[in-house]
Amino acid sequence: MEEITSYFQALGKAIKSLIITLLRNAALFIPGVIILNYFWKLNGVITTQPVVETKLTLICIFMYIKDIKLSNH
């Protein structure tokens, strides 16, 4: 995801880069730790990172495709 964040920063699209960072660190990770810890205890905490990264990958792919389509018009 660092590559997508860098991509948006290089194009001067700081808001999109900020959105990715906030999603990873606050909106997805913290609730993920709380929810998965409730269900699976320590295994839930360990599982949170790959779950969050998978969701974030899908979001970033969507944002990238949308950005490419908008820049081609």
PDB file of N, CA and C in Angstrom:
ATOM      1  N   MET A   1       0.798  -1.188   0.000  1.00  0.00           N
ATOM      2  CA  MET A   1       0.000   0.000   0.000  1.00  0.00           C
ATOM      3  C   MET A   1       0.848   1.262   0.000  1.00  0.00           C
ATOM      4  N   GLU A   2       2.072   1.112   0.398  1.00  0.00           N
ATOM      5  CA  GLU A   2       2.958   2.277   0.398  1.00  0.00           C
ATOM      6  C   GLU A   2       3.137   2.827  -1.010  1.00  0.00           C
ATOM      7  N   GLU A   3       3.112   1.927  -2.008  1.00  0.00           N
ATOM      8  CA  GLU A   3       3.287   2.366  -3.381  1.00  0.00           C
ATOM      9  C   GLU A   3       2.115   3.233  -3.828  1.00  0.00           C
ATOM     10  N   ILE A   4       0.904   2.854  -3.461  1.00  0.00           N
ATOM     11  CA  ILE A   4      -0.273   3.631  -3.843  1.00  0.00           C
ATOM     12  C   ILE A   4      -0.273   4.968  -3.117  1.00  0.00           C
ATOM     13  N   THR A   5       0.108   4.950  -1.855  1.00  0.00           N
ATOM     14  CA  THR A   5       0.205   6.200  -1.103  1.00  0.00           C
ATOM     15  C   THR A   5       1.225   7.128  -1.752  1.00  0.00           C
ATOM     16  N   SER A   6       2.366   6.583  -2.129  1.00  0.00           N
ATOM     17  CA  SER A   6       3.403   7.373  -2.797  1.00  0.00           C
ATOM     18  C   SER A   6       2.932   7.863  -4.163  1.00  0.00           C
ATOM     19  N   TYR A   7       2.182   7.032  -4.867  1.00  0.00           N
ATOM     20  CA  TYR A   7       1.633   7.404  -6.172  1.00  0.00           C
ATOM     21  C   TYR A   7       0.765   8.652  -6.040  1.00  0.00           C
ATOM     22  N   PHE A   8      -0.157   8.643  -5.084  1.00  0.00           N
ATOM     23  CA  PHE A   8      -1.041   9.794  -4.904  1.00  0.00           C
ATOM     24  C   PHE A   8      -0.268  11.019  -4.414  1.00  0.00           C
ATOM     25  N   GLN A   9       0.713  10.830  -3.555  1.00  0.00           N
ATOM     26  CA  GLN A   9       1.525  11.953  -3.089  1.00  0.00           C
ATOM     27  C   GLN A   9       2.299  12.569  -4.238  1.00  0.00           C
ATOM     28  N   ALA A  10       2.866  11.734  -5.106  1.00  0.00           N
ATOM     29  CA  ALA A  10       3.659  12.237  -6.229  1.00  0.00           C
ATOM     30  C   ALA A  10       2.803  13.027  -7.203  1.00  0.00           C
ATOM     31  N   LEU A  11       1.541  12.689  -7.312  1.00  0.00           N
ATOM     32  CA  LEU A  11       0.647  13.406  -8.208  1.00  0.00           C
ATOM     33  C   LEU A  11       0.006  14.623  -7.544  1.00  0.00           C
ATOM     34  N   GLY A  12       0.372  14.879  -6.301  1.00  0.00           N
ATOM     35  CA  GLY A  12      -0.165  16.033  -5.596  1.00  0.00           C
ATOM     36  C   GLY A  12      -1.573  15.807  -5.066  1.00  0.00           C
ATOM     37  N   LYS A  13      -1.945  14.560  -4.879  1.00  0.00           N
ATOM     38  CA  LYS A  13      -3.276  14.223  -4.377  1.00  0.00           C
ATOM     39  C   LYS A  13      -3.154  13.784  -2.919  1.00  0.00           C
ATOM     40  N   ALA A  14      -2.842  14.754  -2.092  1.00  0.00           N
ATOM     41  CA  ALA A  14      -2.552  14.477  -0.687  1.00  0.00           C
ATOM     42  C   ALA A  14      -3.771  13.952   0.070  1.00  0.00           C
ATOM     43  N   ILE A  15      -4.957  14.388  -0.312  1.00  0.00           N
ATOM     44  CA  ILE A  15      -6.166  13.949   0.395  1.00  0.00           C
ATOM     45  C   ILE A  15      -6.368  12.441   0.234  1.00  0.00           C
ATOM     46  N   LYS A  16      -6.162  11.931  -0.982  1.00  0.00           N
ATOM     47  CA  LYS A  16      -6.318  10.487  -1.202  1.00  0.00           C
ATOM     48  C   LYS A  16      -5.259   9.710  -0.421  1.00  0.00           C
ATOM     49  N   SER A  17      -4.064  10.236  -0.383  1.00  0.00           N
ATOM     50  CA  SER A  17      -2.996   9.604   0.385  1.00  0.00           C
ATOM     51  C   SER A  17      -3.331   9.606   1.874  1.00  0.00           C
ATOM     52  N   LEU A  18      -3.859  10.702   2.351  1.00  0.00           N
ATOM     53  CA  LEU A  18      -4.262  10.811   3.755  1.00  0.00           C
ATOM     54  C   LEU A  18      -5.392   9.836   4.080  1.00  0.00           C
ATOM     55  N   ILE A  19      -6.330   9.686   3.161  1.00  0.00           N
ATOM     56  CA  ILE A  19      -7.441   8.753   3.367  1.00  0.00           C
ATOM     57  C   ILE A  19      -6.917   7.330   3.558  1.00  0.00           C
ATOM     58  N   ILE A  20      -5.962   6.926   2.720  1.00  0.00           N
ATOM     59  CA  ILE A  20      -5.390   5.589   2.834  1.00  0.00           C
ATOM     60  C   ILE A  20      -4.711   5.406   4.189  1.00  0.00           C
ATOM     61  N   THR A  21      -3.939   6.405   4.609  1.00  0.00           N
ATOM     62  CA  THR A  21      -3.242   6.331   5.889  1.00  0.00           C
ATOM     63  C   THR A  21      -4.220   6.259   7.055  1.00  0.00           C
ATOM     64  N   LEU A  22      -5.270   7.088   7.013  1.00  0.00           N
ATOM     65  CA  LEU A  22      -6.261   7.070   8.096  1.00  0.00           C
ATOM     66  C   LEU A  22      -7.048   5.769   8.123  1.00  0.00           C
ATOM     67  N   LEU A  23      -7.358   5.229   6.941  1.00  0.00           N
ATOM     68  CA  LEU A  23      -8.056   3.947   6.908  1.00  0.00           C
ATOM     69  C   LEU A  23      -7.215   2.855   7.549  1.00  0.00           C
ATOM     70  N   ARG A  24      -5.937   2.813   7.189  1.00  0.00           N
ATOM     71  CA  ARG A  24      -5.068   1.757   7.715  1.00  0.00           C
ATOM     72  C   ARG A  24      -4.914   1.883   9.229  1.00  0.00           C
ATOM     73  N   ASN A  25      -4.594   3.072   9.705  1.00  0.00           N
ATOM     74  CA  ASN A  25      -4.196   3.231  11.102  1.00  0.00           C
ATOM     75  C   ASN A  25      -5.345   3.466  12.072  1.00  0.00           C
ATOM     76  N   ALA A  26      -6.452   4.001  11.614  1.00  0.00           N
ATOM     77  CA  ALA A  26      -7.519   4.336  12.552  1.00  0.00           C
ATOM     78  C   ALA A  26      -8.838   3.639  12.217  1.00  0.00           C
ATOM     79  N   ALA A  27      -9.332   3.842  11.036  1.00  0.00           N
ATOM     80  CA  ALA A  27     -10.685   3.381  10.707  1.00  0.00           C
ATOM     81  C   ALA A  27     -10.792   1.864  10.581  1.00  0.00           C
ATOM     82  N   LEU A  28      -9.743   1.201  10.140  1.00  0.00           N
ATOM     83  CA  LEU A  28      -9.810  -0.254   9.982  1.00  0.00           C
ATOM     84  C   LEU A  28      -9.052  -1.000  11.074  1.00  0.00           C
ATOM     85  N   PHE A  29      -7.857  -0.551  11.416  1.00  0.00           N
ATOM     86  CA  PHE A  29      -7.010  -1.325  12.331  1.00  0.00           C
ATOM     87  C   PHE A  29      -7.535  -1.350  13.764  1.00  0.00           C
ATOM     88  N   ILE A  30      -7.847  -0.212  14.318  1.00  0.00           N
ATOM     89  CA  ILE A  30      -8.285  -0.154  15.719  1.00  0.00           C
ATOM     90  C   ILE A  30      -9.593  -0.926  15.930  1.00  0.00           C
ATOM     91  N   PRO A  31     -10.643  -0.676  15.115  1.00  0.00           N
ATOM     92  CA  PRO A  31     -11.850  -1.495  15.292  1.00  0.00           C
ATOM     93  C   PRO A  31     -11.591  -2.980  15.015  1.00  0.00           C
ATOM     94  N   GLY A  32     -10.707  -3.271  14.063  1.00  0.00           N
ATOM     95  CA  GLY A  32     -10.371  -4.659  13.766  1.00  0.00           C
ATOM     96  C   GLY A  32      -9.762  -5.364  14.964  1.00  0.00           C
ATOM     97  N   VAL A  33      -8.846  -4.702  15.645  1.00  0.00           N
ATOM     98  CA  VAL A  33      -8.227  -5.285  16.840  1.00  0.00           C
ATOM     99  C   VAL A  33      -9.282  -5.533  17.911  1.00  0.00           C
ATOM    100  N   ILE A  34     -10.151  -4.583  18.110  1.00  0.00           N
ATOM    101  CA  ILE A  34     -11.172  -4.722  19.153  1.00  0.00           C
ATOM    102  C   ILE A  34     -12.136  -5.865  18.820  1.00  0.00           C
ATOM    103  N   ILE A  35     -12.624  -5.894  17.593  1.00  0.00           N
ATOM    104  CA  ILE A  35     -13.612  -6.912  17.202  1.00  0.00           C
ATOM    105  C   ILE A  35     -12.997  -8.308  17.170  1.00  0.00           C
ATOM    106  N   LEU A  36     -11.857  -8.447  16.503  1.00  0.00           N
ATOM    107  CA  LEU A  36     -11.251  -9.773  16.395  1.00  0.00           C
ATOM    108  C   LEU A  36     -10.708 -10.261  17.741  1.00  0.00           C
ATOM    109  N   ASN A  37     -10.259  -9.352  18.593  1.00  0.00           N
ATOM    110  CA  ASN A  37      -9.829  -9.740  19.935  1.00  0.00           C
ATOM    111  C   ASN A  37     -11.015 -10.278  20.737  1.00  0.00           C
ATOM    112  N   TYR A  38     -12.161  -9.681  20.560  1.00  0.00           N
ATOM    113  CA  TYR A  38     -13.355 -10.144  21.274  1.00  0.00           C
ATOM    114  C   TYR A  38     -13.684 -11.589  20.911  1.00  0.00           C
ATOM    115  N   PHE A  39     -13.577 -11.915  19.627  1.00  0.00           N
ATOM    116  CA  PHE A  39     -13.945 -13.252  19.161  1.00  0.00           C
ATOM    117  C   PHE A  39     -12.833 -14.287  19.336  1.00  0.00           C
ATOM    118  N   TRP A  40     -11.566 -13.898  19.078  1.00  0.00           N
ATOM    119  CA  TRP A  40     -10.485 -14.883  19.046  1.00  0.00           C
ATOM    120  C   TRP A  40      -9.335 -14.587  20.004  1.00  0.00           C
ATOM    121  N   LYS A  41      -9.493 -13.630  20.880  1.00  0.00           N
ATOM    122  CA  LYS A  41      -8.437 -13.246  21.833  1.00  0.00           C
ATOM    123  C   LYS A  41      -7.133 -12.890  21.114  1.00  0.00           C
ATOM    124  N   LEU A  42      -6.021 -13.433  21.531  1.00  0.00           N
ATOM    125  CA  LEU A  42      -4.730 -13.061  20.949  1.00  0.00           C
ATOM    126  C   LEU A  42      -4.657 -13.392  19.460  1.00  0.00           C
ATOM    127  N   ASN A  43      -5.238 -14.502  19.044  1.00  0.00           N
ATOM    128  CA  ASN A  43      -5.240 -14.844  17.622  1.00  0.00           C
ATOM    129  C   ASN A  43      -5.970 -13.793  16.793  1.00  0.00           C
ATOM    130  N   GLY A  44      -6.980 -13.171  17.363  1.00  0.00           N
ATOM    131  CA  GLY A  44      -7.691 -12.094  16.674  1.00  0.00           C
ATOM    132  C   GLY A  44      -6.814 -10.880  16.475  1.00  0.00           C
ATOM    133  N   VAL A  45      -6.011 -10.557  17.485  1.00  0.00           N
ATOM    134  CA  VAL A  45      -5.096  -9.422  17.384  1.00  0.00           C
ATOM    135  C   VAL A  45      -4.056  -9.682  16.291  1.00  0.00           C
ATOM    136  N   ILE A  46      -3.549 -10.920  16.259  1.00  0.00           N
ATOM    137  CA  ILE A  46      -2.553 -11.283  15.252  1.00  0.00           C
ATOM    138  C   ILE A  46      -3.177 -11.293  13.857  1.00  0.00           C
ATOM    139  N   THR A  47      -4.419 -11.715  13.750  1.00  0.00           N
ATOM    140  CA  THR A  47      -5.113 -11.816  12.468  1.00  0.00           C
ATOM    141  C   THR A  47      -5.519 -10.453  11.916  1.00  0.00           C
ATOM    142  N   THR A  48      -5.590  -9.464  12.753  1.00  0.00           N
ATOM    143  CA  THR A  48      -6.064  -8.148  12.320  1.00  0.00           C
ATOM    144  C   THR A  48      -5.237  -7.570  11.179  1.00  0.00           C
ATOM    145  N   GLN A  49      -3.928  -7.641  11.255  1.00  0.00           N
ATOM    146  CA  GLN A  49      -3.082  -7.014  10.243  1.00  0.00           C
ATOM    147  C   GLN A  49      -3.350  -7.541   8.827  1.00  0.00           C
ATOM    148  N   PRO A  50      -3.347  -8.867   8.601  1.00  0.00           N
ATOM    149  CA  PRO A  50      -3.632  -9.325   7.243  1.00  0.00           C
ATOM    150  C   PRO A  50      -5.057  -9.014   6.776  1.00  0.00           C
ATOM    151  N   VAL A  51      -6.006  -9.032   7.704  1.00  0.00           N
ATOM    152  CA  VAL A  51      -7.385  -8.702   7.335  1.00  0.00           C
ATOM    153  C   VAL A  51      -7.479  -7.249   6.895  1.00  0.00           C
ATOM    154  N   VAL A  52      -6.877  -6.354   7.663  1.00  0.00           N
ATOM    155  CA  VAL A  52      -6.898  -4.928   7.335  1.00  0.00           C
ATOM    156  C   VAL A  52      -6.164  -4.670   6.019  1.00  0.00           C
ATOM    157  N   GLU A  53      -5.011  -5.293   5.828  1.00  0.00           N
ATOM    158  CA  GLU A  53      -4.252  -5.086   4.596  1.00  0.00           C
ATOM    159  C   GLU A  53      -5.006  -5.593   3.374  1.00  0.00           C
ATOM    160  N   THR A  54      -5.741  -6.690   3.519  1.00  0.00           N
ATOM    161  CA  THR A  54      -6.536  -7.206   2.406  1.00  0.00           C
ATOM    162  C   THR A  54      -7.652  -6.238   2.040  1.00  0.00           C
ATOM    163  N   LYS A  55      -8.373  -5.754   3.037  1.00  0.00           N
ATOM    164  CA  LYS A  55      -9.434  -4.775   2.783  1.00  0.00           C
ATOM    165  C   LYS A  55      -8.854  -3.505   2.165  1.00  0.00           C
ATOM    166  N   LEU A  56      -7.736  -3.043   2.706  1.00  0.00           N
ATOM    167  CA  LEU A  56      -7.118  -1.823   2.210  1.00  0.00           C
ATOM    168  C   LEU A  56      -6.603  -1.995   0.782  1.00  0.00           C
ATOM    169  N   THR A  57      -6.119  -3.179   0.458  1.00  0.00           N
ATOM    170  CA  THR A  57      -5.676  -3.454  -0.908  1.00  0.00           C
ATOM    171  C   THR A  57      -6.834  -3.293  -1.887  1.00  0.00           C
ATOM    172  N   LEU A  58      -7.986  -3.831  -1.545  1.00  0.00           N
ATOM    173  CA  LEU A  58      -9.151  -3.709  -2.409  1.00  0.00           C
ATOM    174  C   LEU A  58      -9.585  -2.249  -2.561  1.00  0.00           C
ATOM    175  N   ILE A  59      -9.555  -1.503  -1.470  1.00  0.00           N
ATOM    176  CA  ILE A  59      -9.912  -0.089  -1.520  1.00  0.00           C
ATOM    177  C   ILE A  59      -8.923   0.677  -2.394  1.00  0.00           C
ATOM    178  N   CYS A  60      -7.628   0.396  -2.240  1.00  0.00           N
ATOM    179  CA  CYS A  60      -6.608   1.094  -3.022  1.00  0.00           C
ATOM    180  C   CYS A  60      -6.703   0.760  -4.511  1.00  0.00           C
ATOM    181  N   ILE A  61      -7.000  -0.488  -4.825  1.00  0.00           N
ATOM    182  CA  ILE A  61      -7.176  -0.859  -6.233  1.00  0.00           C
ATOM    183  C   ILE A  61      -8.344  -0.080  -6.829  1.00  0.00           C
ATOM    184  N   PHE A  62      -9.429   0.008  -6.097  1.00  0.00           N
ATOM    185  CA  PHE A  62     -10.576   0.776  -6.554  1.00  0.00           C
ATOM    186  C   PHE A  62     -10.208   2.252  -6.751  1.00  0.00           C
ATOM    187  N   MET A  63      -9.506   2.840  -5.783  1.00  0.00           N
ATOM    188  CA  MET A  63      -9.112   4.252  -5.890  1.00  0.00           C
ATOM    189  C   MET A  63      -8.175   4.478  -7.071  1.00  0.00           C
ATOM    190  N   TYR A  64      -7.251   3.546  -7.292  1.00  0.00           N
ATOM    191  CA  TYR A  64      -6.299   3.661  -8.392  1.00  0.00           C
ATOM    192  C   TYR A  64      -7.008   3.580  -9.746  1.00  0.00           C
ATOM    193  N   ILE A  65      -7.889   2.602  -9.900  1.00  0.00           N
ATOM    194  CA  ILE A  65      -8.622   2.456 -11.159  1.00  0.00           C
ATOM    195  C   ILE A  65      -9.474   3.685 -11.427  1.00  0.00           C
ATOM    196  N   LYS A  66     -10.133   4.180 -10.400  1.00  0.00           N
ATOM    197  CA  LYS A  66     -10.950   5.382 -10.549  1.00  0.00           C
ATOM    198  C   LYS A  66     -10.085   6.578 -10.942  1.00  0.00           C
ATOM    199  N   ASP A  67      -8.915   6.697 -10.358  1.00  0.00           N
ATOM    200  CA  ASP A  67      -8.013   7.803 -10.678  1.00  0.00           C
ATOM    201  C   ASP A  67      -7.501   7.707 -12.124  1.00  0.00           C
ATOM    202  N   ILE A  68      -7.174   6.506 -12.566  1.00  0.00           N
ATOM    203  CA  ILE A  68      -6.713   6.298 -13.938  1.00  0.00           C
ATOM    204  C   ILE A  68      -7.824   6.658 -14.933  1.00  0.00           C
ATOM    205  N   LYS A  69      -9.041   6.234 -14.655  1.00  0.00           N
ATOM    206  CA  LYS A  69     -10.166   6.534 -15.547  1.00  0.00           C
ATOM    207  C   LYS A  69     -10.415   8.026 -15.620  1.00  0.00           C
ATOM    208  N   LEU A  70     -10.319   8.717 -14.470  1.00  0.00           N
ATOM    209  CA  LEU A  70     -10.556  10.160 -14.465  1.00  0.00           C
ATOM    210  C   LEU A  70      -9.449  10.916 -15.192  1.00  0.00           C
ATOM    211  N   SER A  71      -8.225  10.419 -15.117  1.00  0.00           N
ATOM    212  CA  SER A  71      -7.111  11.127 -15.760  1.00  0.00           C
ATOM    213  C   SER A  71      -7.087  10.893 -17.262  1.00  0.00           C
ATOM    214  N   ASN A  72      -7.753   9.835 -17.746  1.00  0.00           N
ATOM    215  CA  ASN A  72      -7.798   9.569 -19.186  1.00  0.00           C
ATOM    216  C   ASN A  72      -8.871  10.358 -19.901  1.00  0.00           C
ATOM    217  N   HIS A  73      -9.762  10.983 -19.158  1.00  0.00           N
ATOM    218  CA  HIS A  73     -10.827  11.759 -19.796  1.00  0.00           C
ATOM    219  C   HIS A  73     -10.481  13.189 -19.916  1.00  0.00           C
TER     220      HIS A  73
END
